[in-house]
Amino acid sequence: MTAKNQHVVPRGGRWAVRKAGAERVTRHFDTQHEAIKAARGLARNQGGEVFIHGRDGRIRERDSYGNDPFPPRG
């Protein structure tokens, strides 16, 4: 996991974007949709991945915007 990766995580009834390995969050948002949008922008700019966590804290979705080791064919 690199510092380019962004995590969308629940925080105190709101949603936050946190850089991989960081203790503090980058930003807080009222909705998960807003947090995902911001995390995707950061990941695109940095060539990383977005890990979207559910309310239970478990990863439910993952998007790659960098050097994907297994890109789809065709």
PDB file of N, CA and C in Angstrom:
ATOM      1  N   MET A   1       0.841  -1.172   0.000  1.00  0.00           N
ATOM      2  CA  MET A   1       0.000   0.000   0.000  1.00  0.00           C
ATOM      3  C   MET A   1       0.890   1.241   0.000  1.00  0.00           C
ATOM      4  N   THR A   2       0.588   2.187  -0.872  1.00  0.00           N
ATOM      5  CA  THR A   2       1.414   3.383  -0.946  1.00  0.00           C
ATOM      6  C   THR A   2       0.631   4.600  -0.503  1.00  0.00           C
ATOM      7  N   ALA A   3       1.349   5.680  -0.278  1.00  0.00           N
ATOM      8  CA  ALA A   3       0.726   6.920   0.162  1.00  0.00           C
ATOM      9  C   ALA A   3      -0.136   7.549  -0.934  1.00  0.00           C
ATOM     10  N   LYS A   4      -0.068   7.044  -2.155  1.00  0.00           N
ATOM     11  CA  LYS A   4      -0.902   7.558  -3.243  1.00  0.00           C
ATOM     12  C   LYS A   4      -2.342   7.084  -3.101  1.00  0.00           C
ATOM     13  N   ASN A   5      -2.551   6.001  -2.359  1.00  0.00           N
ATOM     14  CA  ASN A   5      -3.881   5.417  -2.231  1.00  0.00           C
ATOM     15  C   ASN A   5      -4.745   6.209  -1.255  1.00  0.00           C
ATOM     16  N   GLN A   6      -6.026   6.311  -1.579  1.00  0.00           N
ATOM     17  CA  GLN A   6      -6.978   7.063  -0.775  1.00  0.00           C
ATOM     18  C   GLN A   6      -8.064   6.121  -0.255  1.00  0.00           C
ATOM     19  N   HIS A   7      -8.464   6.311   0.989  1.00  0.00           N
ATOM     20  CA  HIS A   7      -9.516   5.504   1.594  1.00  0.00           C
ATOM     21  C   HIS A   7     -10.700   6.397   1.939  1.00  0.00           C
ATOM     22  N   VAL A   8     -11.895   5.951   1.575  1.00  0.00           N
ATOM     23  CA  VAL A   8     -13.135   6.633   1.967  1.00  0.00           C
ATOM     24  C   VAL A   8     -13.668   5.844   3.152  1.00  0.00           C
ATOM     25  N   VAL A   9     -13.705   6.492   4.318  1.00  0.00           N
ATOM     26  CA  VAL A   9     -14.042   5.795   5.561  1.00  0.00           C
ATOM     27  C   VAL A   9     -15.110   6.550   6.352  1.00  0.00           C
ATOM     28  N   PRO A  10     -15.935   5.808   7.122  1.00  0.00           N
ATOM     29  CA  PRO A  10     -16.912   6.474   7.987  1.00  0.00           C
ATOM     30  C   PRO A  10     -16.200   7.083   9.196  1.00  0.00           C
ATOM     31  N   ARG A  11     -16.609   8.302   9.583  1.00  0.00           N
ATOM     32  CA  ARG A  11     -16.016   8.979  10.736  1.00  0.00           C
ATOM     33  C   ARG A  11     -17.082   9.806  11.441  1.00  0.00           C
ATOM     34  N   GLY A  12     -17.484   9.394  12.603  1.00  0.00           N
ATOM     35  CA  GLY A  12     -18.395  10.184  13.432  1.00  0.00           C
ATOM     36  C   GLY A  12     -19.694  10.567  12.755  1.00  0.00           C
ATOM     37  N   GLY A  13     -20.327   9.652  12.057  1.00  0.00           N
ATOM     38  CA  GLY A  13     -21.584   9.940  11.379  1.00  0.00           C
ATOM     39  C   GLY A  13     -21.426  10.644  10.043  1.00  0.00           C
ATOM     40  N   ARG A  14     -20.208  10.937   9.676  1.00  0.00           N
ATOM     41  CA  ARG A  14     -19.910  11.563   8.384  1.00  0.00           C
ATOM     42  C   ARG A  14     -18.962  10.644   7.629  1.00  0.00           C
ATOM     43  N   TRP A  15     -18.424  11.131   6.517  1.00  0.00           N
ATOM     44  CA  TRP A  15     -17.485  10.369   5.704  1.00  0.00           C
ATOM     45  C   TRP A  15     -16.202  11.163   5.554  1.00  0.00           C
ATOM     46  N   ALA A  16     -15.093  10.451   5.455  1.00  0.00           N
ATOM     47  CA  ALA A  16     -13.798  11.111   5.352  1.00  0.00           C
ATOM     48  C   ALA A  16     -12.940  10.444   4.289  1.00  0.00           C
ATOM     49  N   VAL A  17     -12.007  11.224   3.752  1.00  0.00           N
ATOM     50  CA  VAL A  17     -10.981  10.714   2.844  1.00  0.00           C
ATOM     51  C   VAL A  17      -9.683  10.720   3.643  1.00  0.00           C
ATOM     52  N   ARG A  18      -9.008   9.564   3.660  1.00  0.00           N
ATOM     53  CA  ARG A  18      -7.768   9.410   4.402  1.00  0.00           C
ATOM     54  C   ARG A  18      -6.724   8.793   3.494  1.00  0.00           C
ATOM     55  N   LYS A  19      -5.559   9.395   3.456  1.00  0.00           N
ATOM     56  CA  LYS A  19      -4.446   8.853   2.667  1.00  0.00           C
ATOM     57  C   LYS A  19      -3.935   7.590   3.342  1.00  0.00           C
ATOM     58  N   ALA A  20      -3.574   6.599   2.552  1.00  0.00           N
ATOM     59  CA  ALA A  20      -3.056   5.341   3.094  1.00  0.00           C
ATOM     60  C   ALA A  20      -1.877   5.606   4.015  1.00  0.00           C
ATOM     61  N   GLY A  21      -1.910   5.014   5.198  1.00  0.00           N
ATOM     62  CA  GLY A  21      -0.829   5.153   6.155  1.00  0.00           C
ATOM     63  C   GLY A  21      -0.916   6.374   7.041  1.00  0.00           C
ATOM     64  N   ALA A  22      -1.856   7.262   6.767  1.00  0.00           N
ATOM     65  CA  ALA A  22      -1.992   8.495   7.556  1.00  0.00           C
ATOM     66  C   ALA A  22      -2.907   8.274   8.754  1.00  0.00           C
ATOM     67  N   GLU A  23      -2.604   8.915   9.852  1.00  0.00           N
ATOM     68  CA  GLU A  23      -3.455   8.867  11.041  1.00  0.00           C
ATOM     69  C   GLU A  23      -4.639   9.823  10.898  1.00  0.00           C
ATOM     70  N   ARG A  24      -4.358  10.991  10.352  1.00  0.00           N
ATOM     71  CA  ARG A  24      -5.391  12.024  10.225  1.00  0.00           C
ATOM     72  C   ARG A  24      -6.059  11.952   8.858  1.00  0.00           C
ATOM     73  N   VAL A  25      -7.305  12.410   8.810  1.00  0.00           N
ATOM     74  CA  VAL A  25      -8.029  12.419   7.545  1.00  0.00           C
ATOM     75  C   VAL A  25      -7.677  13.666   6.745  1.00  0.00           C
ATOM     76  N   THR A  26      -7.840  13.569   5.432  1.00  0.00           N
ATOM     77  CA  THR A  26      -7.570  14.691   4.543  1.00  0.00           C
ATOM     78  C   THR A  26      -8.712  15.695   4.609  1.00  0.00           C
ATOM     79  N   ARG A  27      -9.962  15.174   4.515  1.00  0.00           N
ATOM     80  CA  ARG A  27     -11.163  16.031   4.566  1.00  0.00           C
ATOM     81  C   ARG A  27     -12.348  15.226   5.049  1.00  0.00           C
ATOM     82  N   HIS A  28     -13.327  15.923   5.630  1.00  0.00           N
ATOM     83  CA  HIS A  28     -14.594  15.317   6.035  1.00  0.00           C
ATOM     84  C   HIS A  28     -15.695  15.752   5.070  1.00  0.00           C
ATOM     85  N   PHE A  29     -16.686  14.874   4.881  1.00  0.00           N
ATOM     86  CA  PHE A  29     -17.812  15.157   3.998  1.00  0.00           C
ATOM     87  C   PHE A  29     -19.105  14.693   4.655  1.00  0.00           C
ATOM     88  N   ASP A  30     -20.215  15.306   4.266  1.00  0.00           N
ATOM     89  CA  ASP A  30     -21.515  14.915   4.804  1.00  0.00           C
ATOM     90  C   ASP A  30     -22.010  13.612   4.194  1.00  0.00           C
ATOM     91  N   THR A  31     -21.652  13.347   2.931  1.00  0.00           N
ATOM     92  CA  THR A  31     -22.130  12.137   2.263  1.00  0.00           C
ATOM     93  C   THR A  31     -20.955  11.315   1.743  1.00  0.00           C
ATOM     94  N   GLN A  32     -21.213  10.018   1.596  1.00  0.00           N
ATOM     95  CA  GLN A  32     -20.201   9.127   1.046  1.00  0.00           C
ATOM     96  C   GLN A  32     -19.929   9.489  -0.409  1.00  0.00           C
ATOM     97  N   HIS A  33     -20.965   9.883  -1.135  1.00  0.00           N
ATOM     98  CA  HIS A  33     -20.810  10.250  -2.549  1.00  0.00           C
ATOM     99  C   HIS A  33     -19.808  11.394  -2.712  1.00  0.00           C
ATOM    100  N   GLU A  34     -19.904  12.414  -1.872  1.00  0.00           N
ATOM    101  CA  GLU A  34     -18.968  13.549  -1.940  1.00  0.00           C
ATOM    102  C   GLU A  34     -17.537  13.090  -1.637  1.00  0.00           C
ATOM    103  N   ALA A  35     -17.403  12.226  -0.649  1.00  0.00           N
ATOM    104  CA  ALA A  35     -16.073  11.726  -0.277  1.00  0.00           C
ATOM    105  C   ALA A  35     -15.462  10.893  -1.396  1.00  0.00           C
ATOM    106  N   ILE A  36     -16.274  10.054  -2.034  1.00  0.00           N
ATOM    107  CA  ILE A  36     -15.789   9.228  -3.143  1.00  0.00           C
ATOM    108  C   ILE A  36     -15.318  10.105  -4.289  1.00  0.00           C
ATOM    109  N   LYS A  37     -16.091  11.119  -4.607  1.00  0.00           N
ATOM    110  CA  LYS A  37     -15.732  12.036  -5.703  1.00  0.00           C
ATOM    111  C   LYS A  37     -14.376  12.701  -5.427  1.00  0.00           C
ATOM    112  N   ALA A  38     -14.177  13.165  -4.203  1.00  0.00           N
ATOM    113  CA  ALA A  38     -12.915  13.816  -3.842  1.00  0.00           C
ATOM    114  C   ALA A  38     -11.758  12.817  -3.865  1.00  0.00           C
ATOM    115  N   ALA A  39     -11.980  11.617  -3.340  1.00  0.00           N
ATOM    116  CA  ALA A  39     -10.920  10.600  -3.307  1.00  0.00           C
ATOM    117  C   ALA A  39     -10.518  10.186  -4.713  1.00  0.00           C
ATOM    118  N   ARG A  40     -11.486  10.055  -5.599  1.00  0.00           N
ATOM    119  CA  ARG A  40     -11.168   9.697  -6.988  1.00  0.00           C
ATOM    120  C   ARG A  40     -10.329  10.776  -7.658  1.00  0.00           C
ATOM    121  N   GLY A  41     -10.641  12.030  -7.390  1.00  0.00           N
ATOM    122  CA  GLY A  41      -9.843  13.132  -7.938  1.00  0.00           C
ATOM    123  C   GLY A  41      -8.406  13.078  -7.456  1.00  0.00           C
ATOM    124  N   LEU A  42      -8.216  12.834  -6.166  1.00  0.00           N
ATOM    125  CA  LEU A  42      -6.862  12.732  -5.617  1.00  0.00           C
ATOM    126  C   LEU A  42      -6.121  11.536  -6.209  1.00  0.00           C
ATOM    127  N   ALA A  43      -6.795  10.407  -6.322  1.00  0.00           N
ATOM    128  CA  ALA A  43      -6.159   9.198  -6.858  1.00  0.00           C
ATOM    129  C   ALA A  43      -5.778   9.374  -8.325  1.00  0.00           C
ATOM    130  N   ARG A  44      -6.636  10.026  -9.095  1.00  0.00           N
ATOM    131  CA  ARG A  44      -6.311  10.285 -10.512  1.00  0.00           C
ATOM    132  C   ARG A  44      -5.067  11.160 -10.619  1.00  0.00           C
ATOM    133  N   ASN A  45      -5.001  12.209  -9.822  1.00  0.00           N
ATOM    134  CA  ASN A  45      -3.863  13.135  -9.869  1.00  0.00           C
ATOM    135  C   ASN A  45      -2.568  12.469  -9.432  1.00  0.00           C
ATOM    136  N   GLN A  46      -2.661  11.531  -8.492  1.00  0.00           N
ATOM    137  CA  GLN A  46      -1.468  10.910  -7.929  1.00  0.00           C
ATOM    138  C   GLN A  46      -1.177   9.527  -8.508  1.00  0.00           C
ATOM    139  N   GLY A  47      -2.070   9.021  -9.363  1.00  0.00           N
ATOM    140  CA  GLY A  47      -1.865   7.701  -9.950  1.00  0.00           C
ATOM    141  C   GLY A  47      -2.000   6.580  -8.941  1.00  0.00           C
ATOM    142  N   GLY A  48      -2.978   6.693  -8.046  1.00  0.00           N
ATOM    143  CA  GLY A  48      -3.157   5.688  -6.994  1.00  0.00           C
ATOM    144  C   GLY A  48      -4.473   4.946  -7.106  1.00  0.00           C
ATOM    145  N   GLU A  49      -4.915   4.394  -5.980  1.00  0.00           N
ATOM    146  CA  GLU A  49      -6.164   3.647  -5.918  1.00  0.00           C
ATOM    147  C   GLU A  49      -7.090   4.261  -4.883  1.00  0.00           C
ATOM    148  N   VAL A  50      -8.377   3.978  -5.032  1.00  0.00           N
ATOM    149  CA  VAL A  50      -9.387   4.396  -4.064  1.00  0.00           C
ATOM    150  C   VAL A  50      -9.971   3.138  -3.446  1.00  0.00           C
ATOM    151  N   PHE A  51      -9.996   3.101  -2.122  1.00  0.00           N
ATOM    152  CA  PHE A  51     -10.616   2.012  -1.372  1.00  0.00           C
ATOM    153  C   PHE A  51     -11.846   2.588  -0.689  1.00  0.00           C
ATOM    154  N   ILE A  52     -13.020   2.094  -1.062  1.00  0.00           N
ATOM    155  CA  ILE A  52     -14.267   2.599  -0.508  1.00  0.00           C
ATOM    156  C   ILE A  52     -14.744   1.622   0.564  1.00  0.00           C
ATOM    157  N   HIS A  53     -14.836   2.116   1.786  1.00  0.00           N
ATOM    158  CA  HIS A  53     -15.261   1.307   2.919  1.00  0.00           C
ATOM    159  C   HIS A  53     -16.753   1.512   3.155  1.00  0.00           C
ATOM    160  N   GLY A  54     -17.420   0.483   3.644  1.00  0.00           N
ATOM    161  CA  GLY A  54     -18.818   0.589   4.015  1.00  0.00           C
ATOM    162  C   GLY A  54     -18.944   1.116   5.430  1.00  0.00           C
ATOM    163  N   ARG A  55     -20.180   1.245   5.913  1.00  0.00           N
ATOM    164  CA  ARG A  55     -20.412   1.728   7.280  1.00  0.00           C
ATOM    165  C   ARG A  55     -19.770   0.826   8.326  1.00  0.00           C
ATOM    166  N   ASP A  56     -19.598  -0.457   7.989  1.00  0.00           N
ATOM    167  CA  ASP A  56     -18.983  -1.401   8.924  1.00  0.00           C
ATOM    168  C   ASP A  56     -17.457  -1.329   8.909  1.00  0.00           C
ATOM    169  N   GLY A  57     -16.889  -0.477   8.044  1.00  0.00           N
ATOM    170  CA  GLY A  57     -15.443  -0.302   7.968  1.00  0.00           C
ATOM    171  C   GLY A  57     -14.738  -1.236   7.008  1.00  0.00           C
ATOM    172  N   ARG A  58     -15.458  -2.220   6.478  1.00  0.00           N
ATOM    173  CA  ARG A  58     -14.852  -3.176   5.545  1.00  0.00           C
ATOM    174  C   ARG A  58     -14.830  -2.608   4.128  1.00  0.00           C
ATOM    175  N   ILE A  59     -13.780  -2.932   3.367  1.00  0.00           N
ATOM    176  CA  ILE A  59     -13.668  -2.461   1.990  1.00  0.00           C
ATOM    177  C   ILE A  59     -14.758  -3.120   1.163  1.00  0.00           C
ATOM    178  N   ARG A  60     -15.538  -2.289   0.452  1.00  0.00           N
ATOM    179  CA  ARG A  60     -16.619  -2.831  -0.369  1.00  0.00           C
ATOM    180  C   ARG A  60     -16.387  -2.604  -1.855  1.00  0.00           C
ATOM    181  N   GLU A  61     -15.466  -1.701  -2.176  1.00  0.00           N
ATOM    182  CA  GLU A  61     -15.180  -1.399  -3.578  1.00  0.00           C
ATOM    183  C   GLU A  61     -13.767  -0.834  -3.674  1.00  0.00           C
ATOM    184  N   ARG A  62     -13.168  -1.013  -4.861  1.00  0.00           N
ATOM    185  CA  ARG A  62     -11.796  -0.553  -5.080  1.00  0.00           C
ATOM    186  C   ARG A  62     -11.670  -0.116  -6.531  1.00  0.00           C
ATOM    187  N   ASP A  63     -11.071   1.051  -6.755  1.00  0.00           N
ATOM    188  CA  ASP A  63     -10.846   1.570  -8.107  1.00  0.00           C
ATOM    189  C   ASP A  63      -9.382   1.945  -8.256  1.00  0.00           C
ATOM    190  N   SER A  64      -8.794   1.608  -9.405  1.00  0.00           N
ATOM    191  CA  SER A  64      -7.399   1.897  -9.675  1.00  0.00           C
ATOM    192  C   SER A  64      -7.280   3.005 -10.718  1.00  0.00           C
ATOM    193  N   TYR A  65      -6.410   3.963 -10.449  1.00  0.00           N
ATOM    194  CA  TYR A  65      -6.170   5.064 -11.382  1.00  0.00           C
ATOM    195  C   TYR A  65      -4.690   5.198 -11.703  1.00  0.00           C
ATOM    196  N   GLY A  66      -3.920   4.178 -11.392  1.00  0.00           N
ATOM    197  CA  GLY A  66      -2.487   4.230 -11.630  1.00  0.00           C
ATOM    198  C   GLY A  66      -2.036   3.098 -12.508  1.00  0.00           C
ATOM    199  N   ASN A  67      -0.903   2.553 -12.174  1.00  0.00           N
ATOM    200  CA  ASN A  67      -0.331   1.436 -12.922  1.00  0.00           C
ATOM    201  C   ASN A  67      -0.962   0.140 -12.451  1.00  0.00           C
ATOM    202  N   ASP A  68      -2.089  -0.190 -13.014  1.00  0.00           N
ATOM    203  CA  ASP A  68      -2.813  -1.407 -12.667  1.00  0.00           C
ATOM    204  C   ASP A  68      -2.016  -2.609 -13.174  1.00  0.00           C
ATOM    205  N   PRO A  69      -1.635  -3.539 -12.274  1.00  0.00           N
ATOM    206  CA  PRO A  69      -0.822  -4.675 -12.711  1.00  0.00           C
ATOM    207  C   PRO A  69      -1.592  -5.652 -13.608  1.00  0.00           C
ATOM    208  N   PHE A  70      -2.908  -5.621 -13.581  1.00  0.00           N
ATOM    209  CA  PHE A  70      -3.713  -6.539 -14.373  1.00  0.00           C
ATOM    210  C   PHE A  70      -4.812  -5.782 -15.125  1.00  0.00           C
ATOM    211  N   PRO A  71      -4.456  -4.935 -16.087  1.00  0.00           N
ATOM    212  CA  PRO A  71      -5.495  -4.197 -16.815  1.00  0.00           C
ATOM    213  C   PRO A  71      -6.336  -5.132 -17.676  1.00  0.00           C
ATOM    214  N   PRO A  72      -7.616  -4.812 -17.862  1.00  0.00           N
ATOM    215  CA  PRO A  72      -8.468  -5.658 -18.695  1.00  0.00           C
ATOM    216  C   PRO A  72      -8.033  -5.602 -20.158  1.00  0.00           C
ATOM    217  N   ARG A  73      -8.255  -6.676 -20.868  1.00  0.00           N
ATOM    218  CA  ARG A  73      -7.911  -6.726 -22.306  1.00  0.00           C
ATOM    219  C   ARG A  73      -9.039  -6.153 -23.119  1.00  0.00           C
ATOM    220  N   GLY A  74      -8.668  -5.598 -24.295  1.00  0.00           N
ATOM    221  CA  GLY A  74      -9.630  -5.156 -25.286  1.00  0.00           C
ATOM    222  C   GLY A  74     -10.337  -3.979 -24.892  1.00  0.00           C
TER     223      GLY A  74
END
